[in-house]
Amino acid sequence: MKHTILVAEDEEVNYMYIEVLFEEEFSDDYILLQAINGQEAGHKTNLLSTINSEYYL
């Protein structure tokens, strides 16, 4: 099972750097998601929590 990492980063170049680092080292183990601000990060966290809860039921 892949783990999901949520990166809250509003600078696209910074996110691209993180994305490249993870693709080179951990692409088989992780899925990266981007949030451009705290509000979006909270929304995505709640959404992922709901999906995971339904998956384990």
C-alpha atoms as a PDB file:
ATOM      1  CA  MET A   1       0.000   0.000   0.000  1.00  0.00           C
ATOM      2  CA  LYS A   2       1.268   3.451  -0.902  1.00  0.00           C
ATOM      3  CA  HIS A   3       1.378   6.213   1.670  1.00  0.00           C
ATOM      4  CA  THR A   4       0.043   9.669   0.838  1.00  0.00           C
ATOM      5  CA  ILE A   5       2.013  12.804   1.650  1.00  0.00           C
ATOM      6  CA  LEU A   6       0.276  16.168   1.526  1.00  0.00           C
ATOM      7  CA  VAL A   7       2.647  19.058   0.820  1.00  0.00           C
ATOM      8  CA  ALA A   8       1.276  22.507   1.677  1.00  0.00           C
ATOM      9  CA  GLU A   9       3.369  24.762  -0.557  1.00  0.00           C
ATOM     10  CA  ASP A  10       2.232  27.779  -2.527  1.00  0.00           C
ATOM     11  CA  GLU A  11       5.455  28.234  -4.505  1.00  0.00           C
ATOM     12  CA  GLU A  12       5.261  25.924  -7.521  1.00  0.00           C
ATOM     13  CA  VAL A  13       9.044  25.691  -7.912  1.00  0.00           C
ATOM     14  CA  ASN A  14       9.416  24.499  -4.305  1.00  0.00           C
ATOM     15  CA  TYR A  15       6.752  21.839  -4.794  1.00  0.00           C
ATOM     16  CA  MET A  16       8.403  20.717  -8.032  1.00  0.00           C
ATOM     17  CA  TYR A  17      11.699  20.309  -6.156  1.00  0.00           C
ATOM     18  CA  ILE A  18      10.050  18.153  -3.487  1.00  0.00           C
ATOM     19  CA  GLU A  19       8.262  16.184  -6.185  1.00  0.00           C
ATOM     20  CA  VAL A  20      11.525  15.424  -7.997  1.00  0.00           C
ATOM     21  CA  LEU A  21      13.202  14.317  -4.770  1.00  0.00           C
ATOM     22  CA  PHE A  22      10.390  11.902  -3.970  1.00  0.00           C
ATOM     23  CA  GLU A  23      10.112  10.564  -7.514  1.00  0.00           C
ATOM     24  CA  GLU A  24      13.807   9.689  -7.556  1.00  0.00           C
ATOM     25  CA  GLU A  25      13.841   7.961  -4.176  1.00  0.00           C
ATOM     26  CA  PHE A  26      10.353   6.898  -3.151  1.00  0.00           C
ATOM     27  CA  SER A  27       8.056   6.811  -6.190  1.00  0.00           C
ATOM     28  CA  ASP A  28       6.977   3.238  -5.454  1.00  0.00           C
ATOM     29  CA  ASP A  29       6.083   3.973  -1.828  1.00  0.00           C
ATOM     30  CA  TYR A  30       4.392   7.383  -1.787  1.00  0.00           C
ATOM     31  CA  ILE A  31       1.767   9.513  -3.504  1.00  0.00           C
ATOM     32  CA  LEU A  32       2.355  13.266  -3.263  1.00  0.00           C
ATOM     33  CA  LEU A  33      -0.528  15.729  -3.143  1.00  0.00           C
ATOM     34  CA  GLN A  34      -0.181  19.506  -3.206  1.00  0.00           C
ATOM     35  CA  ALA A  35      -2.166  22.099  -1.311  1.00  0.00           C
ATOM     36  CA  ILE A  36      -1.477  25.737  -2.074  1.00  0.00           C
ATOM     37  CA  ASN A  37      -2.576  27.056   1.316  1.00  0.00           C
ATOM     38  CA  GLY A  38      -3.648  25.944   4.773  1.00  0.00           C
ATOM     39  CA  GLN A  39      -7.340  25.982   3.935  1.00  0.00           C
ATOM     40  CA  GLU A  40      -6.830  23.636   0.981  1.00  0.00           C
ATOM     41  CA  ALA A  41      -4.565  21.427   3.101  1.00  0.00           C
ATOM     42  CA  GLY A  42      -7.300  21.131   5.725  1.00  0.00           C
ATOM     43  CA  HIS A  43      -9.890  20.293   3.097  1.00  0.00           C
ATOM     44  CA  LYS A  44      -7.689  17.614   1.518  1.00  0.00           C
ATOM     45  CA  THR A  45      -6.835  16.175   4.930  1.00  0.00           C
ATOM     46  CA  ASN A  46     -10.531  15.852   5.778  1.00  0.00           C
ATOM     47  CA  LEU A  47     -11.239  14.300   2.393  1.00  0.00           C
ATOM     48  CA  LEU A  48      -8.417  11.768   2.761  1.00  0.00           C
ATOM     49  CA  SER A  49      -9.555  10.935   6.283  1.00  0.00           C
ATOM     50  CA  THR A  50     -13.065  10.253   5.012  1.00  0.00           C
ATOM     51  CA  ILE A  51     -11.779   8.082   2.172  1.00  0.00           C
ATOM     52  CA  ASN A  52      -9.548   6.086   4.526  1.00  0.00           C
ATOM     53  CA  SER A  53     -12.387   5.605   7.004  1.00  0.00           C
ATOM     54  CA  GLU A  54     -14.661   4.260   4.283  1.00  0.00           C
ATOM     55  CA  TYR A  55     -11.898   2.017   2.960  1.00  0.00           C
ATOM     56  CA  TYR A  56     -11.403   0.301   6.319  1.00  0.00           C
ATOM     57  CA  LEU A  57     -15.105  -0.248   7.067  1.00  0.00           C
END
